[in-house]
Structures are given as structure tokens and as C-alpha cells.
């Protein structure tokens, strides 16, 4: 039941993180144009947000008996 709640409430965090990290790897290997750096910053913000969501998920899980 907890697993279903986590998927419904938070989505699939590991898959989202993996996708963001793959996009970041591609962006890091790409050109260093202004748009490239902008894309990197956007992806890094998304990654940071996902880390926060993951921490919140585990905090919520730790409160359940």
C-alpha cells in the first residue's frame, strides 16, 4: 500500500532522476553556447527539485508505521 501511495503521490522518482541525468550528460557534452548553458542550468534546477522531492518522499515514508 505504501508503494502505491508513493507512486501516486510522487511519481517514479528514480526513473525521472535517470532521465534528467542522461539529459545533463548530453548537455555537458554538447556545445558551450549560451543556449547550451541555459539548458544545463535548467536541467540542474530540475535535478535539484527532484532531489528535494525524493528527500520529502523518504521523510514521509519514515513517518508511517
C-alpha atoms as a PDB file:
ATOM      1  CA  UNK A   1       0.000   0.000   0.000  1.00  0.00           C
ATOM      2  CA  UNK A   2       2.848   2.388   0.817  1.00  0.00           C
ATOM      3  CA  UNK A   3       4.474   1.662  -2.536  1.00  0.00           C
ATOM      4  CA  UNK A   4       1.240   2.538  -4.385  1.00  0.00           C
ATOM      5  CA  UNK A   5       0.901   5.750  -2.371  1.00  0.00           C
ATOM      6  CA  UNK A   6       4.455   6.752  -3.251  1.00  0.00           C
ATOM      7  CA  UNK A   7       3.911   6.185  -6.983  1.00  0.00           C
ATOM      8  CA  UNK A   8       0.634   8.119  -6.926  1.00  0.00           C
ATOM      9  CA  UNK A   9       1.902  11.000  -4.819  1.00  0.00           C
ATOM     10  CA  UNK A  10       5.469  11.386  -6.058  1.00  0.00           C
ATOM     11  CA  UNK A  11       5.632   9.519  -9.368  1.00  0.00           C
ATOM     12  CA  UNK A  12       8.557   7.338 -10.316  1.00  0.00           C
ATOM     13  CA  UNK A  13      11.428   9.308  -8.813  1.00  0.00           C
ATOM     14  CA  UNK A  14      14.322   7.021  -9.850  1.00  0.00           C
ATOM     15  CA  UNK A  15      13.227   6.962 -13.496  1.00  0.00           C
ATOM     16  CA  UNK A  16      12.774  10.739 -13.549  1.00  0.00           C
ATOM     17  CA  UNK A  17      16.220  11.218 -11.991  1.00  0.00           C
ATOM     18  CA  UNK A  18      17.786   8.842 -14.511  1.00  0.00           C
ATOM     19  CA  UNK A  19      16.197  10.737 -17.403  1.00  0.00           C
ATOM     20  CA  UNK A  20      17.350  14.116 -16.081  1.00  0.00           C
ATOM     21  CA  UNK A  21      20.891  12.793 -15.538  1.00  0.00           C
ATOM     22  CA  UNK A  22      21.033  11.415 -19.084  1.00  0.00           C
ATOM     23  CA  UNK A  23      19.880  14.769 -20.452  1.00  0.00           C
ATOM     24  CA  UNK A  24      22.500  16.519 -18.319  1.00  0.00           C
ATOM     25  CA  UNK A  25      25.251  14.224 -19.600  1.00  0.00           C
ATOM     26  CA  UNK A  26      24.230  15.035 -23.164  1.00  0.00           C
ATOM     27  CA  UNK A  27      24.095  18.754 -22.391  1.00  0.00           C
ATOM     28  CA  UNK A  28      27.551  18.686 -20.760  1.00  0.00           C
ATOM     29  CA  UNK A  29      28.982  17.003 -23.858  1.00  0.00           C
ATOM     30  CA  UNK A  30      27.293  19.474 -26.187  1.00  0.00           C
ATOM     31  CA  UNK A  31      28.462  22.885 -27.251  1.00  0.00           C
ATOM     32  CA  UNK A  32      29.102  25.676 -24.829  1.00  0.00           C
ATOM     33  CA  UNK A  33      26.804  28.210 -26.423  1.00  0.00           C
ATOM     34  CA  UNK A  34      24.550  30.480 -24.389  1.00  0.00           C
ATOM     35  CA  UNK A  35      21.591  28.218 -25.088  1.00  0.00           C
ATOM     36  CA  UNK A  36      23.659  25.182 -24.058  1.00  0.00           C
ATOM     37  CA  UNK A  37      24.496  26.734 -20.699  1.00  0.00           C
ATOM     38  CA  UNK A  38      20.884  27.765 -20.262  1.00  0.00           C
ATOM     39  CA  UNK A  39      19.787  24.170 -20.873  1.00  0.00           C
ATOM     40  CA  UNK A  40      22.341  22.907 -18.350  1.00  0.00           C
ATOM     41  CA  UNK A  41      21.121  25.349 -15.694  1.00  0.00           C
ATOM     42  CA  UNK A  42      17.503  24.354 -16.330  1.00  0.00           C
ATOM     43  CA  UNK A  43      18.307  20.650 -16.034  1.00  0.00           C
ATOM     44  CA  UNK A  44      20.348  21.222 -12.875  1.00  0.00           C
ATOM     45  CA  UNK A  45      17.379  23.035 -11.330  1.00  0.00           C
ATOM     46  CA  UNK A  46      15.112  20.122 -12.308  1.00  0.00           C
ATOM     47  CA  UNK A  47      17.586  17.693 -10.735  1.00  0.00           C
ATOM     48  CA  UNK A  48      17.733  19.749  -7.539  1.00  0.00           C
ATOM     49  CA  UNK A  49      13.936  19.797  -7.411  1.00  0.00           C
ATOM     50  CA  UNK A  50      13.797  16.020  -7.844  1.00  0.00           C
ATOM     51  CA  UNK A  51      16.327  15.582  -5.031  1.00  0.00           C
ATOM     52  CA  UNK A  52      14.107  17.705  -2.783  1.00  0.00           C
ATOM     53  CA  UNK A  53      11.044  15.628  -3.765  1.00  0.00           C
ATOM     54  CA  UNK A  54      12.941  12.407  -3.086  1.00  0.00           C
ATOM     55  CA  UNK A  55      14.008  13.653   0.346  1.00  0.00           C
ATOM     56  CA  UNK A  56      10.401  14.607   1.092  1.00  0.00           C
ATOM     57  CA  UNK A  57       9.257  11.156  -0.039  1.00  0.00           C
ATOM     58  CA  UNK A  58      11.640   9.416   2.349  1.00  0.00           C
ATOM     59  CA  UNK A  59      10.724  11.814   5.145  1.00  0.00           C
ATOM     60  CA  UNK A  60       7.039  10.936   4.631  1.00  0.00           C
ATOM     61  CA  UNK A  61       7.819   7.204   4.492  1.00  0.00           C
ATOM     62  CA  UNK A  62       9.732   7.384   7.762  1.00  0.00           C
ATOM     63  CA  UNK A  63       6.646   8.798   9.499  1.00  0.00           C
ATOM     64  CA  UNK A  64       4.453   5.827   8.549  1.00  0.00           C
ATOM     65  CA  UNK A  65       4.212   2.937  10.987  1.00  0.00           C
END
